[in-house]
C-alpha atoms as a PDB file:
ATOM      1  CA  UNK A   1       0.000   0.000   0.000  1.00  0.00           C
ATOM      2  CA  UNK A   2       1.230   3.458  -0.770  1.00  0.00           C
ATOM      3  CA  UNK A   3       1.084   6.423   1.594  1.00  0.00           C
ATOM      4  CA  UNK A   4      -0.635   8.580  -1.039  1.00  0.00           C
ATOM      5  CA  UNK A   5      -4.129   7.137  -0.592  1.00  0.00           C
ATOM      6  CA  UNK A   6      -4.226   4.406   2.071  1.00  0.00           C
ATOM      7  CA  UNK A   7      -8.046   4.172   2.050  1.00  0.00           C
ATOM      8  CA  UNK A   8      -8.134   3.543  -1.695  1.00  0.00           C
ATOM      9  CA  UNK A   9      -5.329   0.987  -1.359  1.00  0.00           C
ATOM     10  CA  UNK A  10      -7.161  -0.755   1.506  1.00  0.00           C
ATOM     11  CA  UNK A  11     -10.348  -1.023  -0.569  1.00  0.00           C
ATOM     12  CA  UNK A  12      -8.350  -2.404  -3.504  1.00  0.00           C
ATOM     13  CA  UNK A  13      -6.834  -5.005  -1.163  1.00  0.00           C
ATOM     14  CA  UNK A  14     -10.292  -6.003   0.119  1.00  0.00           C
ATOM     15  CA  UNK A  15     -11.592  -6.290  -3.457  1.00  0.00           C
ATOM     16  CA  UNK A  16      -8.619  -8.566  -4.203  1.00  0.00           C
ATOM     17  CA  UNK A  17      -9.524 -10.687  -1.160  1.00  0.00           C
ATOM     18  CA  UNK A  18     -13.087 -10.960  -2.464  1.00  0.00           C
ATOM     19  CA  UNK A  19     -11.868 -12.021  -5.908  1.00  0.00           C
ATOM     20  CA  UNK A  20      -9.599 -14.712  -4.435  1.00  0.00           C
ATOM     21  CA  UNK A  21     -12.450 -15.935  -2.222  1.00  0.00           C
ATOM     22  CA  UNK A  22     -14.857 -16.007  -5.186  1.00  0.00           C
ATOM     23  CA  UNK A  23     -12.437 -18.140  -7.222  1.00  0.00           C
ATOM     24  CA  UNK A  24     -12.023 -20.542  -4.295  1.00  0.00           C
ATOM     25  CA  UNK A  25     -15.773 -20.776  -3.711  1.00  0.00           C
ATOM     26  CA  UNK A  26     -16.553 -21.258  -7.418  1.00  0.00           C
ATOM     27  CA  UNK A  27     -14.292 -24.319  -7.382  1.00  0.00           C
ATOM     28  CA  UNK A  28     -16.028 -25.567  -4.245  1.00  0.00           C
ATOM     29  CA  UNK A  29     -19.452 -25.146  -5.833  1.00  0.00           C
ATOM     30  CA  UNK A  30     -18.256 -27.065  -8.905  1.00  0.00           C
ATOM     31  CA  UNK A  31     -16.896 -29.908  -6.766  1.00  0.00           C
ATOM     32  CA  UNK A  32     -20.142 -30.064  -4.753  1.00  0.00           C
ATOM     33  CA  UNK A  33     -22.163 -29.835  -7.996  1.00  0.00           C
ATOM     34  CA  UNK A  34     -24.128 -26.864  -6.647  1.00  0.00           C
ATOM     35  CA  UNK A  35     -25.290 -23.803  -8.525  1.00  0.00           C
ATOM     36  CA  UNK A  36     -24.963 -20.393  -6.961  1.00  0.00           C
ATOM     37  CA  UNK A  37     -24.348 -16.777  -7.827  1.00  0.00           C
ATOM     38  CA  UNK A  38     -21.433 -15.104  -6.071  1.00  0.00           C
ATOM     39  CA  UNK A  39     -21.654 -11.413  -5.200  1.00  0.00           C
ATOM     40  CA  UNK A  40     -18.794  -9.356  -3.774  1.00  0.00           C
ATOM     41  CA  UNK A  41     -18.843  -6.174  -1.730  1.00  0.00           C
ATOM     42  CA  UNK A  42     -16.735  -4.271   0.802  1.00  0.00           C
ATOM     43  CA  UNK A  43     -18.310  -3.100   4.056  1.00  0.00           C
ATOM     44  CA  UNK A  44     -16.934  -2.090   7.461  1.00  0.00           C
ATOM     45  CA  UNK A  45     -13.350  -2.739   6.354  1.00  0.00           C
ATOM     46  CA  UNK A  46     -14.151  -6.319   5.310  1.00  0.00           C
ATOM     47  CA  UNK A  47     -14.629  -8.141   2.062  1.00  0.00           C
ATOM     48  CA  UNK A  48     -18.169  -9.551   1.879  1.00  0.00           C
ATOM     49  CA  UNK A  49     -18.858 -12.621  -0.229  1.00  0.00           C
ATOM     50  CA  UNK A  50     -22.412 -13.837  -0.720  1.00  0.00           C
ATOM     51  CA  UNK A  51     -23.528 -17.008  -2.449  1.00  0.00           C
ATOM     52  CA  UNK A  52     -27.161 -17.047  -3.422  1.00  0.00           C
ATOM     53  CA  UNK A  53     -29.524 -18.446  -5.987  1.00  0.00           C
ATOM     54  CA  UNK A  54     -32.875 -17.528  -7.460  1.00  0.00           C
ATOM     55  CA  UNK A  55     -33.546 -21.253  -7.920  1.00  0.00           C
ATOM     56  CA  UNK A  56     -35.401 -22.655  -4.872  1.00  0.00           C
ATOM     57  CA  UNK A  57     -34.020 -26.125  -5.661  1.00  0.00           C
ATOM     58  CA  UNK A  58     -30.378 -24.951  -5.516  1.00  0.00           C
ATOM     59  CA  UNK A  59     -29.659 -26.858  -2.275  1.00  0.00           C
ATOM     60  CA  UNK A  60     -27.306 -24.109  -1.065  1.00  0.00           C
ATOM     61  CA  UNK A  61     -28.639 -24.501   2.468  1.00  0.00           C
ATOM     62  CA  UNK A  62     -26.539 -27.691   2.597  1.00  0.00           C
ATOM     63  CA  UNK A  63     -23.537 -25.346   2.748  1.00  0.00           C
ATOM     64  CA  UNK A  64     -25.057 -23.546   5.749  1.00  0.00           C
ATOM     65  CA  UNK A  65     -25.665 -26.547   7.985  1.00  0.00           C
ATOM     66  CA  UNK A  66     -27.343 -26.642  11.375  1.00  0.00           C
ATOM     67  CA  UNK A  67     -27.090 -23.250  13.118  1.00  0.00           C
ATOM     68  CA  UNK A  68     -24.657 -22.101  10.395  1.00  0.00           C
ATOM     69  CA  UNK A  69     -21.890 -24.471  11.484  1.00  0.00           C
ATOM     70  CA  UNK A  70     -20.965 -25.542   7.952  1.00  0.00           C
ATOM     71  CA  UNK A  71     -21.063 -21.891   6.867  1.00  0.00           C
ATOM     72  CA  UNK A  72     -18.675 -20.954   9.702  1.00  0.00           C
ATOM     73  CA  UNK A  73     -16.290 -23.729   8.642  1.00  0.00           C
ATOM     74  CA  UNK A  74     -16.448 -22.679   4.984  1.00  0.00           C
ATOM     75  CA  UNK A  75     -15.796 -19.078   5.987  1.00  0.00           C
ATOM     76  CA  UNK A  76     -12.646 -20.149   7.846  1.00  0.00           C
ATOM     77  CA  UNK A  77     -11.478 -22.289   4.914  1.00  0.00           C
ATOM     78  CA  UNK A  78     -12.093 -19.372   2.554  1.00  0.00           C
ATOM     79  CA  UNK A  79     -10.147 -17.041   4.835  1.00  0.00           C
ATOM     80  CA  UNK A  80      -7.267 -19.520   4.815  1.00  0.00           C
ATOM     81  CA  UNK A  81      -7.365 -19.703   1.007  1.00  0.00           C
ATOM     82  CA  UNK A  82      -7.164 -15.895   0.854  1.00  0.00           C
ATOM     83  CA  UNK A  83      -4.344 -15.827   3.403  1.00  0.00           C
ATOM     84  CA  UNK A  84      -2.475 -18.439   1.395  1.00  0.00           C
ATOM     85  CA  UNK A  85      -2.619 -16.149  -1.655  1.00  0.00           C
ATOM     86  CA  UNK A  86      -2.021 -12.767   0.003  1.00  0.00           C
ATOM     87  CA  UNK A  87       0.171 -13.720   2.954  1.00  0.00           C
ATOM     88  CA  UNK A  88      -2.130 -11.703   5.246  1.00  0.00           C
ATOM     89  CA  UNK A  89      -4.918 -12.782   7.589  1.00  0.00           C
ATOM     90  CA  UNK A  90      -8.350 -12.117   6.134  1.00  0.00           C
ATOM     91  CA  UNK A  91     -11.468 -11.011   8.007  1.00  0.00           C
ATOM     92  CA  UNK A  92     -13.834 -11.590   5.101  1.00  0.00           C
ATOM     93  CA  UNK A  93     -17.445 -12.439   5.811  1.00  0.00           C
ATOM     94  CA  UNK A  94     -19.212 -15.201   3.927  1.00  0.00           C
ATOM     95  CA  UNK A  95     -22.982 -15.514   3.642  1.00  0.00           C
ATOM     96  CA  UNK A  96     -24.755 -18.377   1.921  1.00  0.00           C
ATOM     97  CA  UNK A  97     -28.439 -18.438   0.984  1.00  0.00           C
ATOM     98  CA  UNK A  98     -29.027 -15.298   3.070  1.00  0.00           C
ATOM     99  CA  UNK A  99     -28.420 -17.143   6.355  1.00  0.00           C
ATOM    100  CA  UNK A 100     -26.286 -14.411   7.968  1.00  0.00           C
ATOM    101  CA  UNK A 101     -28.536 -11.612   6.686  1.00  0.00           C
ATOM    102  CA  UNK A 102     -31.586 -13.374   8.178  1.00  0.00           C
ATOM    103  CA  UNK A 103     -29.720 -14.054  11.428  1.00  0.00           C
ATOM    104  CA  UNK A 104     -28.655 -10.378  11.603  1.00  0.00           C
ATOM    105  CA  UNK A 105     -32.322  -9.288  11.417  1.00  0.00           C
ATOM    106  CA  UNK A 106     -33.306 -11.858  14.054  1.00  0.00           C
ATOM    107  CA  UNK A 107     -30.499 -10.827  16.433  1.00  0.00           C
ATOM    108  CA  UNK A 108     -31.274  -7.140  15.965  1.00  0.00           C
ATOM    109  CA  UNK A 109     -34.855  -7.824  17.082  1.00  0.00           C
ATOM    110  CA  UNK A 110     -33.626  -9.887  20.072  1.00  0.00           C
ATOM    111  CA  UNK A 111     -31.219  -7.128  21.130  1.00  0.00           C
ATOM    112  CA  UNK A 112     -33.880  -4.436  20.715  1.00  0.00           C
ATOM    113  CA  UNK A 113     -36.284  -6.437  22.899  1.00  0.00           C
ATOM    114  CA  UNK A 114     -33.562  -6.811  25.543  1.00  0.00           C
ATOM    115  CA  UNK A 115     -32.887  -3.057  25.402  1.00  0.00           C
ATOM    116  CA  UNK A 116     -36.574  -2.396  26.026  1.00  0.00           C
ATOM    117  CA  UNK A 117     -36.445  -4.719  29.081  1.00  0.00           C
ATOM    118  CA  UNK A 118     -33.277  -2.999  30.379  1.00  0.00           C
ATOM    119  CA  UNK A 119     -34.897   0.417  30.039  1.00  0.00           C
ATOM    120  CA  UNK A 120     -38.156  -0.790  31.647  1.00  0.00           C
ATOM    121  CA  UNK A 121     -36.643  -2.686  34.583  1.00  0.00           C
ATOM    122  CA  UNK A 122     -33.335  -0.866  35.024  1.00  0.00           C
ATOM    123  CA  UNK A 123     -31.636  -4.261  35.290  1.00  0.00           C
ATOM    124  CA  UNK A 124     -29.027  -5.902  33.064  1.00  0.00           C
ATOM    125  CA  UNK A 125     -30.272  -8.500  30.568  1.00  0.00           C
ATOM    126  CA  UNK A 126     -28.186 -11.515  29.525  1.00  0.00           C
ATOM    127  CA  UNK A 127     -28.807 -12.933  26.058  1.00  0.00           C
ATOM    128  CA  UNK A 128     -28.396 -16.539  24.912  1.00  0.00           C
ATOM    129  CA  UNK A 129     -24.890 -17.860  24.130  1.00  0.00           C
ATOM    130  CA  UNK A 130     -23.678 -16.665  20.731  1.00  0.00           C
ATOM    131  CA  UNK A 131     -20.709 -16.906  18.418  1.00  0.00           C
ATOM    132  CA  UNK A 132     -18.495 -13.812  17.885  1.00  0.00           C
ATOM    133  CA  UNK A 133     -20.381 -12.713  14.727  1.00  0.00           C
ATOM    134  CA  UNK A 134     -23.695 -12.809  16.574  1.00  0.00           C
ATOM    135  CA  UNK A 135     -22.343 -11.051  19.678  1.00  0.00           C
ATOM    136  CA  UNK A 136     -20.917  -8.256  17.518  1.00  0.00           C
ATOM    137  CA  UNK A 137     -24.361  -7.584  16.063  1.00  0.00           C
ATOM    138  CA  UNK A 138     -25.898  -7.314  19.546  1.00  0.00           C
ATOM    139  CA  UNK A 139     -23.077  -5.050  20.802  1.00  0.00           C
ATOM    140  CA  UNK A 140     -23.603  -2.810  17.758  1.00  0.00           C
ATOM    141  CA  UNK A 141     -27.368  -2.559  18.431  1.00  0.00           C
ATOM    142  CA  UNK A 142     -26.720  -1.660  22.089  1.00  0.00           C
ATOM    143  CA  UNK A 143     -24.148   0.979  21.099  1.00  0.00           C
ATOM    144  CA  UNK A 144     -26.522   2.412  18.498  1.00  0.00           C
ATOM    145  CA  UNK A 145     -29.074   2.791  21.313  1.00  0.00           C
ATOM    146  CA  UNK A 146     -26.365   4.433  23.470  1.00  0.00           C
ATOM    147  CA  UNK A 147     -26.262   1.526  25.952  1.00  0.00           C
ATOM    148  CA  UNK A 148     -23.287  -0.384  27.319  1.00  0.00           C
ATOM    149  CA  UNK A 149     -22.888  -4.091  26.664  1.00  0.00           C
ATOM    150  CA  UNK A 150     -20.265  -6.676  27.446  1.00  0.00           C
ATOM    151  CA  UNK A 151     -19.566 -10.319  26.784  1.00  0.00           C
ATOM    152  CA  UNK A 152     -19.444 -12.800  29.637  1.00  0.00           C
ATOM    153  CA  UNK A 153     -18.569 -16.477  29.844  1.00  0.00           C
ATOM    154  CA  UNK A 154     -16.290 -18.810  27.955  1.00  0.00           C
ATOM    155  CA  UNK A 155     -16.736 -20.100  24.397  1.00  0.00           C
ATOM    156  CA  UNK A 156     -18.966 -21.729  23.288  1.00  0.00           C
ATOM    157  CA  UNK A 157     -21.227 -20.350  26.036  1.00  0.00           C
ATOM    158  CA  UNK A 158     -20.205 -16.691  25.761  1.00  0.00           C
ATOM    159  CA  UNK A 159     -23.175 -14.306  26.123  1.00  0.00           C
ATOM    160  CA  UNK A 160     -23.886 -10.625  25.579  1.00  0.00           C
ATOM    161  CA  UNK A 161     -25.089  -8.695  28.626  1.00  0.00           C
ATOM    162  CA  UNK A 162     -26.841  -5.393  27.954  1.00  0.00           C
ATOM    163  CA  UNK A 163     -26.362  -3.035  30.897  1.00  0.00           C
ATOM    164  CA  UNK A 164     -28.519  -0.216  32.257  1.00  0.00           C
ATOM    165  CA  UNK A 165     -27.090   3.290  31.950  1.00  0.00           C
ATOM    166  CA  UNK A 166     -25.906   5.024  28.817  1.00  0.00           C
ATOM    167  CA  UNK A 167     -22.517   5.170  27.156  1.00  0.00           C
ATOM    168  CA  UNK A 168     -22.320   8.877  28.080  1.00  0.00           C
ATOM    169  CA  UNK A 169     -23.008   8.096  31.757  1.00  0.00           C
ATOM    170  CA  UNK A 170     -20.328   5.389  31.723  1.00  0.00           C
ATOM    171  CA  UNK A 171     -17.798   7.760  30.129  1.00  0.00           C
ATOM    172  CA  UNK A 172     -18.648  10.400  32.751  1.00  0.00           C
ATOM    173  CA  UNK A 173     -18.130   7.896  35.589  1.00  0.00           C
ATOM    174  CA  UNK A 174     -14.741   6.902  34.184  1.00  0.00           C
ATOM    175  CA  UNK A 175     -13.670  10.545  33.887  1.00  0.00           C
ATOM    176  CA  UNK A 176     -14.773  11.406  37.434  1.00  0.00           C
ATOM    177  CA  UNK A 177     -13.046   8.323  38.908  1.00  0.00           C
ATOM    178  CA  UNK A 178      -9.883   9.129  36.971  1.00  0.00           C
ATOM    179  CA  UNK A 179      -9.888  12.729  38.217  1.00  0.00           C
ATOM    180  CA  UNK A 180     -10.530  11.618  41.813  1.00  0.00           C
ATOM    181  CA  UNK A 181      -7.682   9.108  41.510  1.00  0.00           C
ATOM    182  CA  UNK A 182      -5.326  11.799  40.272  1.00  0.00           C
ATOM    183  CA  UNK A 183      -6.363  14.176  43.080  1.00  0.00           C
ATOM    184  CA  UNK A 184      -5.114  11.730  45.741  1.00  0.00           C
END
């Protein structure tokens, strides 16, 4: 990457990652004798690769598996294929048959319901255990609503906890405790 336009260079690198991933996944689809359309995008400093099909008999859901486990494994294999080509670790996101997009909508609704409970009761709400992708979505929803959240537990039972109080209140508490510490 050059120093002249690092953002443009970063996007070009992510597009390259997407192209490498698409080539890898096209071969996989051929081997599995599955039809699918591959779409590439860049979002939130990540390459996004989506495999979908207009054909309801495409059988792509076989590549998703129960609770997205096969999809998670394919994402890791695709990341390794990209790393093998570029020499750098990839953070690309893979979605197949809209599974992650659907799960994002579902998790957003779950997090919003938890936020309503936190605001109504004034008590923290712990969500079900989730993988890192799912927890990130819930943390983002809490932050968008100006609430604090944290992850608790150990994989695979790590959960998001949405806390009462706003991000601004938390920042104010940290500042006042820091200033009282420095006064002593």
